[in-house]
Amino acid sequence: DTIKVYGNCGMCKTTIESSLKKKDGIISKNWNKETKKMMVTYDPSKINLKQIGEKIASVGYDNEYVTAKDEVYNNLHHCCQYDRPKKDK
């Protein structure tokens, strides 16, 4: 599957990809900083797309499923602080 994940740089790529672990059912992952898309292969008996989004958001990166907490986003390195999508209220 493909997930939209906001981020800026190679450091973002490392953090985003490292938030997803094999033990959680992730088979492969690859985030592209130009397209802001993560290709992810996973075992649906262990994890679903919303849970993947939650793991990515837990390290500070908004995605199409979950918005990162402001305090986690604010702790990202300054070059990793991407333009956040507007939140629906």
C-alpha atoms as a PDB file:
ATOM      1  CA  ASP A   1       0.000   0.000   0.000  1.00  0.00           C
ATOM      2  CA  THR A   2       0.968   3.644  -0.328  1.00  0.00           C
ATOM      3  CA  ILE A   3       0.575   6.211   2.469  1.00  0.00           C
ATOM      4  CA  LYS A   4       1.022   9.988   2.223  1.00  0.00           C
ATOM      5  CA  VAL A   5       3.522  11.043   4.917  1.00  0.00           C
ATOM      6  CA  TYR A   6       4.722  14.619   5.327  1.00  0.00           C
ATOM      7  CA  GLY A   7       8.453  15.278   5.786  1.00  0.00           C
ATOM      8  CA  ASN A   8      11.432  17.057   4.221  1.00  0.00           C
ATOM      9  CA  CYS A   9      14.773  15.307   4.160  1.00  0.00           C
ATOM     10  CA  GLY A  10      16.933  12.232   4.546  1.00  0.00           C
ATOM     11  CA  MET A  11      16.800  12.530   8.327  1.00  0.00           C
ATOM     12  CA  CYS A  12      12.981  12.441   8.045  1.00  0.00           C
ATOM     13  CA  LYS A  13      13.232   9.312   5.882  1.00  0.00           C
ATOM     14  CA  THR A  14      15.342   7.545   8.507  1.00  0.00           C
ATOM     15  CA  THR A  15      12.990   8.494  11.356  1.00  0.00           C
ATOM     16  CA  ILE A  16       9.805   7.662   9.447  1.00  0.00           C
ATOM     17  CA  GLU A  17      11.056   4.294   8.234  1.00  0.00           C
ATOM     18  CA  SER A  18      12.582   3.344  11.601  1.00  0.00           C
ATOM     19  CA  SER A  19       9.198   3.907  13.298  1.00  0.00           C
ATOM     20  CA  LEU A  20       7.979   0.753  11.519  1.00  0.00           C
ATOM     21  CA  LYS A  21       9.437  -2.516  12.801  1.00  0.00           C
ATOM     22  CA  LYS A  22       9.417  -6.043  11.385  1.00  0.00           C
ATOM     23  CA  LYS A  23       8.165  -7.393  14.718  1.00  0.00           C
ATOM     24  CA  ASP A  24       4.986  -5.350  14.229  1.00  0.00           C
ATOM     25  CA  GLY A  25       4.243  -7.024  10.902  1.00  0.00           C
ATOM     26  CA  ILE A  26       6.089  -4.641   8.574  1.00  0.00           C
ATOM     27  CA  ILE A  27       7.727  -6.501   5.694  1.00  0.00           C
ATOM     28  CA  SER A  28       9.189  -3.542   3.785  1.00  0.00           C
ATOM     29  CA  LYS A  29       8.972   0.252   3.789  1.00  0.00           C
ATOM     30  CA  ASN A  30      10.337   3.024   1.609  1.00  0.00           C
ATOM     31  CA  TRP A  31       9.486   6.729   2.007  1.00  0.00           C
ATOM     32  CA  ASN A  32      10.156   9.094  -0.918  1.00  0.00           C
ATOM     33  CA  LYS A  33      10.879  12.689   0.125  1.00  0.00           C
ATOM     34  CA  GLU A  34       9.940  14.119  -3.287  1.00  0.00           C
ATOM     35  CA  THR A  35       6.513  12.492  -3.539  1.00  0.00           C
ATOM     36  CA  LYS A  36       5.859  12.303   0.251  1.00  0.00           C
ATOM     37  CA  LYS A  37       4.649   8.743  -0.314  1.00  0.00           C
ATOM     38  CA  MET A  38       5.594   5.672   1.676  1.00  0.00           C
ATOM     39  CA  MET A  39       5.356   2.303  -0.008  1.00  0.00           C
ATOM     40  CA  VAL A  40       4.732  -0.246   2.717  1.00  0.00           C
ATOM     41  CA  THR A  41       4.277  -4.008   2.620  1.00  0.00           C
ATOM     42  CA  TYR A  42       2.818  -5.486   5.797  1.00  0.00           C
ATOM     43  CA  ASP A  43       1.084  -8.501   7.298  1.00  0.00           C
ATOM     44  CA  PRO A  44      -2.587  -7.469   7.704  1.00  0.00           C
ATOM     45  CA  SER A  45      -3.057 -10.121  10.386  1.00  0.00           C
ATOM     46  CA  LYS A  46      -0.619  -8.142  12.603  1.00  0.00           C
ATOM     47  CA  ILE A  47      -1.147  -4.472  11.672  1.00  0.00           C
ATOM     48  CA  ASN A  48      -3.455  -2.245   9.612  1.00  0.00           C
ATOM     49  CA  LEU A  49      -2.949   1.067   7.800  1.00  0.00           C
ATOM     50  CA  LYS A  50      -4.343   3.178  10.662  1.00  0.00           C
ATOM     51  CA  GLN A  51      -1.935   1.511  13.102  1.00  0.00           C
ATOM     52  CA  ILE A  52       0.926   2.168  10.662  1.00  0.00           C
ATOM     53  CA  GLY A  53      -0.174   5.813  10.545  1.00  0.00           C
ATOM     54  CA  GLU A  54      -0.220   5.929  14.362  1.00  0.00           C
ATOM     55  CA  LYS A  55       3.355   4.616  14.552  1.00  0.00           C
ATOM     56  CA  ILE A  56       4.552   7.228  12.033  1.00  0.00           C
ATOM     57  CA  ALA A  57       2.689  10.028  13.861  1.00  0.00           C
ATOM     58  CA  SER A  58       4.221   8.914  17.182  1.00  0.00           C
ATOM     59  CA  VAL A  59       7.639  10.077  15.904  1.00  0.00           C
ATOM     60  CA  GLY A  60       6.292  13.437  14.689  1.00  0.00           C
ATOM     61  CA  TYR A  61       5.107  12.927  11.120  1.00  0.00           C
ATOM     62  CA  ASP A  62       1.578  13.727   9.958  1.00  0.00           C
ATOM     63  CA  ASN A  63       0.130  11.306   7.452  1.00  0.00           C
ATOM     64  CA  GLU A  64      -3.170  10.619   5.759  1.00  0.00           C
ATOM     65  CA  TYR A  65      -4.400   8.578   8.747  1.00  0.00           C
ATOM     66  CA  VAL A  66      -3.092  10.316  11.869  1.00  0.00           C
ATOM     67  CA  THR A  67      -1.853  13.797  12.821  1.00  0.00           C
ATOM     68  CA  ALA A  68       1.218  13.884  15.056  1.00  0.00           C
ATOM     69  CA  LYS A  69       0.916  15.544  18.456  1.00  0.00           C
ATOM     70  CA  ASP A  70       2.126  19.149  18.378  1.00  0.00           C
ATOM     71  CA  GLU A  71       4.700  18.558  21.121  1.00  0.00           C
ATOM     72  CA  VAL A  72       6.263  15.649  19.203  1.00  0.00           C
ATOM     73  CA  TYR A  73       6.310  17.635  15.934  1.00  0.00           C
ATOM     74  CA  ASN A  74       7.864  20.633  17.740  1.00  0.00           C
ATOM     75  CA  ASN A  75      10.722  18.413  18.961  1.00  0.00           C
ATOM     76  CA  LEU A  76      11.742  17.449  15.408  1.00  0.00           C
ATOM     77  CA  HIS A  77      15.017  18.916  14.147  1.00  0.00           C
ATOM     78  CA  HIS A  78      14.330  22.309  12.534  1.00  0.00           C
ATOM     79  CA  CYS A  79      15.038  20.982   9.011  1.00  0.00           C
ATOM     80  CA  CYS A  80      12.485  18.216   9.593  1.00  0.00           C
ATOM     81  CA  GLN A  81       9.662  20.611  10.537  1.00  0.00           C
ATOM     82  CA  TYR A  82       7.613  20.375   7.341  1.00  0.00           C
ATOM     83  CA  ASP A  83       4.664  22.579   6.401  1.00  0.00           C
ATOM     84  CA  ARG A  84       1.836  20.842   8.207  1.00  0.00           C
ATOM     85  CA  PRO A  85      -1.449  20.207   6.444  1.00  0.00           C
ATOM     86  CA  LYS A  86      -4.363  22.193   7.837  1.00  0.00           C
ATOM     87  CA  LYS A  87      -6.369  20.289  10.434  1.00  0.00           C
ATOM     88  CA  ASP A  88     -10.100  19.810   9.906  1.00  0.00           C
ATOM     89  CA  LYS A  89     -12.020  21.044  12.910  1.00  0.00           C
END
